[in-house]
Amino acid sequence: MAEGVFTERERAFEAAFAMQEATRFRTIARRNRMLAAWAASLIGRDDLDVYASEVIAADFSKAGDADVLRKLMRDFAAAGVAIDEETVQLKMHAFMQAASQQTEVL
């Protein structure tokens, strides 16, 4: 009997973890879409859906935000937009907070 209780508890924890990870994934994807919209307006990209896909795809190369930051910095440099990493990181943080609040509502 105790084994059944532990098995149910384990499944519940696994389900909760899976839901948290799915929410985290959606939040980061939403943040990256916001970043892409912001960056696209600065660098003059009109193809927001394509650019957002590029930014989201950049996030899959390595864990963490460094890959997205590098992509944005390269794109800013290529477009001749003078912006520092700190400004981009502040935007990433602000968009993460906004995306998190929006995801909670869903």
C-alpha atoms as a PDB file:
ATOM      1  CA  MET A   1       0.000   0.000   0.000  1.00  0.00           C
ATOM      2  CA  ALA A   2       2.757   2.474   0.910  1.00  0.00           C
ATOM      3  CA  GLU A   3       4.451   1.730  -2.402  1.00  0.00           C
ATOM      4  CA  GLY A   4       1.310   2.788  -4.276  1.00  0.00           C
ATOM      5  CA  VAL A   5       1.203   6.076  -2.370  1.00  0.00           C
ATOM      6  CA  PHE A   6       4.834   6.799  -3.206  1.00  0.00           C
ATOM      7  CA  THR A   7       4.252   5.914  -6.860  1.00  0.00           C
ATOM      8  CA  GLU A   8       1.293   8.302  -7.033  1.00  0.00           C
ATOM      9  CA  ARG A   9       3.313  11.003  -5.320  1.00  0.00           C
ATOM     10  CA  GLU A  10       6.206  10.470  -7.719  1.00  0.00           C
ATOM     11  CA  ARG A  11       3.880  10.756 -10.716  1.00  0.00           C
ATOM     12  CA  ALA A  12       2.371  13.933  -9.285  1.00  0.00           C
ATOM     13  CA  PHE A  13       5.823  15.477  -8.818  1.00  0.00           C
ATOM     14  CA  GLU A  14       6.835  14.448 -12.342  1.00  0.00           C
ATOM     15  CA  ALA A  15       3.652  15.963 -13.775  1.00  0.00           C
ATOM     16  CA  ALA A  16       4.201  19.188 -11.834  1.00  0.00           C
ATOM     17  CA  PHE A  17       7.811  19.363 -13.031  1.00  0.00           C
ATOM     18  CA  ALA A  18       6.761  18.773 -16.646  1.00  0.00           C
ATOM     19  CA  MET A  19       4.172  21.529 -16.383  1.00  0.00           C
ATOM     20  CA  GLN A  20       6.728  23.938 -14.868  1.00  0.00           C
ATOM     21  CA  GLU A  21       9.195  23.208 -17.659  1.00  0.00           C
ATOM     22  CA  ALA A  22       6.535  23.690 -20.336  1.00  0.00           C
ATOM     23  CA  THR A  23       5.573  27.020 -18.775  1.00  0.00           C
ATOM     24  CA  ARG A  24       9.229  28.050 -18.589  1.00  0.00           C
ATOM     25  CA  PHE A  25       9.709  27.147 -22.262  1.00  0.00           C
ATOM     26  CA  ARG A  26       6.646  29.184 -23.310  1.00  0.00           C
ATOM     27  CA  THR A  27       7.792  32.127 -21.192  1.00  0.00           C
ATOM     28  CA  ILE A  28      11.258  32.169 -22.738  1.00  0.00           C
ATOM     29  CA  ALA A  29       9.831  31.828 -26.248  1.00  0.00           C
ATOM     30  CA  ARG A  30       7.479  34.746 -25.534  1.00  0.00           C
ATOM     31  CA  ARG A  31      10.394  36.796 -24.184  1.00  0.00           C
ATOM     32  CA  ASN A  32      12.434  36.022 -27.290  1.00  0.00           C
ATOM     33  CA  ARG A  33       9.546  37.105 -29.516  1.00  0.00           C
ATOM     34  CA  MET A  34       9.351  40.416 -27.617  1.00  0.00           C
ATOM     35  CA  LEU A  35      13.112  40.841 -27.956  1.00  0.00           C
ATOM     36  CA  ALA A  36      12.877  40.141 -31.666  1.00  0.00           C
ATOM     37  CA  ALA A  37      10.149  42.766 -32.113  1.00  0.00           C
ATOM     38  CA  TRP A  38      12.194  45.337 -30.210  1.00  0.00           C
ATOM     39  CA  ALA A  39      15.422  44.525 -32.064  1.00  0.00           C
ATOM     40  CA  ALA A  40      13.696  44.388 -35.453  1.00  0.00           C
ATOM     41  CA  SER A  41      12.358  47.905 -34.937  1.00  0.00           C
ATOM     42  CA  LEU A  42      15.883  49.146 -34.204  1.00  0.00           C
ATOM     43  CA  ILE A  43      17.632  47.378 -37.073  1.00  0.00           C
ATOM     44  CA  GLY A  44      14.897  47.958 -39.642  1.00  0.00           C
ATOM     45  CA  ARG A  45      13.704  44.387 -40.150  1.00  0.00           C
ATOM     46  CA  ASP A  46      10.151  44.219 -41.496  1.00  0.00           C
ATOM     47  CA  ASP A  47       9.897  40.425 -41.493  1.00  0.00           C
ATOM     48  CA  LEU A  48       9.081  40.063 -37.791  1.00  0.00           C
ATOM     49  CA  ASP A  49       7.902  36.443 -37.968  1.00  0.00           C
ATOM     50  CA  VAL A  50      11.080  35.359 -39.740  1.00  0.00           C
ATOM     51  CA  TYR A  51      13.300  37.373 -37.425  1.00  0.00           C
ATOM     52  CA  ALA A  52      11.485  36.105 -34.323  1.00  0.00           C
ATOM     53  CA  SER A  53      12.061  32.546 -35.548  1.00  0.00           C
ATOM     54  CA  GLU A  54      15.770  33.319 -35.934  1.00  0.00           C
ATOM     55  CA  VAL A  55      16.009  34.706 -32.390  1.00  0.00           C
ATOM     56  CA  ILE A  56      14.061  31.781 -30.925  1.00  0.00           C
ATOM     57  CA  ALA A  57      16.238  29.311 -32.852  1.00  0.00           C
ATOM     58  CA  ALA A  58      19.391  31.005 -31.524  1.00  0.00           C
ATOM     59  CA  ASP A  59      18.230  30.138 -28.012  1.00  0.00           C
ATOM     60  CA  PHE A  60      18.473  26.416 -28.785  1.00  0.00           C
ATOM     61  CA  SER A  61      22.205  26.387 -29.513  1.00  0.00           C
ATOM     62  CA  LYS A  62      23.325  26.438 -25.854  1.00  0.00           C
ATOM     63  CA  ALA A  63      21.715  26.637 -22.447  1.00  0.00           C
ATOM     64  CA  GLY A  64      21.286  30.130 -21.083  1.00  0.00           C
ATOM     65  CA  ASP A  65      20.755  33.522 -22.622  1.00  0.00           C
ATOM     66  CA  ALA A  66      24.262  34.124 -23.968  1.00  0.00           C
ATOM     67  CA  ASP A  67      23.451  32.733 -27.420  1.00  0.00           C
ATOM     68  CA  VAL A  68      20.468  35.074 -27.836  1.00  0.00           C
ATOM     69  CA  LEU A  69      22.552  37.997 -26.601  1.00  0.00           C
ATOM     70  CA  ARG A  70      25.332  37.167 -29.098  1.00  0.00           C
ATOM     71  CA  LYS A  71      22.853  36.940 -31.978  1.00  0.00           C
ATOM     72  CA  LEU A  72      21.261  40.271 -31.127  1.00  0.00           C
ATOM     73  CA  MET A  73      24.641  41.972 -30.711  1.00  0.00           C
ATOM     74  CA  ARG A  74      25.784  40.613 -34.106  1.00  0.00           C
ATOM     75  CA  ASP A  75      22.565  41.823 -35.731  1.00  0.00           C
ATOM     76  CA  PHE A  76      22.880  45.278 -34.152  1.00  0.00           C
ATOM     77  CA  ALA A  77      26.501  45.533 -35.293  1.00  0.00           C
ATOM     78  CA  ALA A  78      25.629  44.414 -38.837  1.00  0.00           C
ATOM     79  CA  ALA A  79      22.888  47.052 -39.001  1.00  0.00           C
ATOM     80  CA  GLY A  80      25.180  49.754 -37.622  1.00  0.00           C
ATOM     81  CA  VAL A  81      23.132  50.189 -34.448  1.00  0.00           C
ATOM     82  CA  ALA A  82      25.301  51.323 -31.541  1.00  0.00           C
ATOM     83  CA  ILE A  83      24.010  49.555 -28.447  1.00  0.00           C
ATOM     84  CA  ASP A  84      25.825  47.992 -25.529  1.00  0.00           C
ATOM     85  CA  GLU A  85      25.340  44.539 -24.031  1.00  0.00           C
ATOM     86  CA  GLU A  86      24.081  45.954 -20.748  1.00  0.00           C
ATOM     87  CA  THR A  87      21.183  47.671 -22.495  1.00  0.00           C
ATOM     88  CA  VAL A  88      20.263  44.457 -24.295  1.00  0.00           C
ATOM     89  CA  GLN A  89      20.522  42.466 -21.072  1.00  0.00           C
ATOM     90  CA  LEU A  90      18.251  44.973 -19.309  1.00  0.00           C
ATOM     91  CA  LYS A  91      15.714  44.584 -22.133  1.00  0.00           C
ATOM     92  CA  MET A  92      15.999  40.791 -21.886  1.00  0.00           C
ATOM     93  CA  HIS A  93      15.283  40.999 -18.168  1.00  0.00           C
ATOM     94  CA  ALA A  94      12.340  43.382 -18.590  1.00  0.00           C
ATOM     95  CA  PHE A  95      10.826  41.254 -21.354  1.00  0.00           C
ATOM     96  CA  MET A  96      11.306  38.116 -19.246  1.00  0.00           C
ATOM     97  CA  GLN A  97       9.312  39.708 -16.435  1.00  0.00           C
ATOM     98  CA  ALA A  98       6.575  40.785 -18.832  1.00  0.00           C
ATOM     99  CA  ALA A  99       6.474  37.366 -20.500  1.00  0.00           C
ATOM    100  CA  SER A 100       6.313  35.668 -17.122  1.00  0.00           C
ATOM    101  CA  GLN A 101       3.334  37.783 -16.099  1.00  0.00           C
ATOM    102  CA  GLN A 102       1.598  37.098 -19.403  1.00  0.00           C
ATOM    103  CA  THR A 103       2.246  33.359 -19.143  1.00  0.00           C
ATOM    104  CA  GLU A 104       0.790  33.271 -15.620  1.00  0.00           C
ATOM    105  CA  VAL A 105      -2.453  34.690 -16.996  1.00  0.00           C
ATOM    106  CA  LEU A 106      -2.759  31.882 -19.557  1.00  0.00           C
END
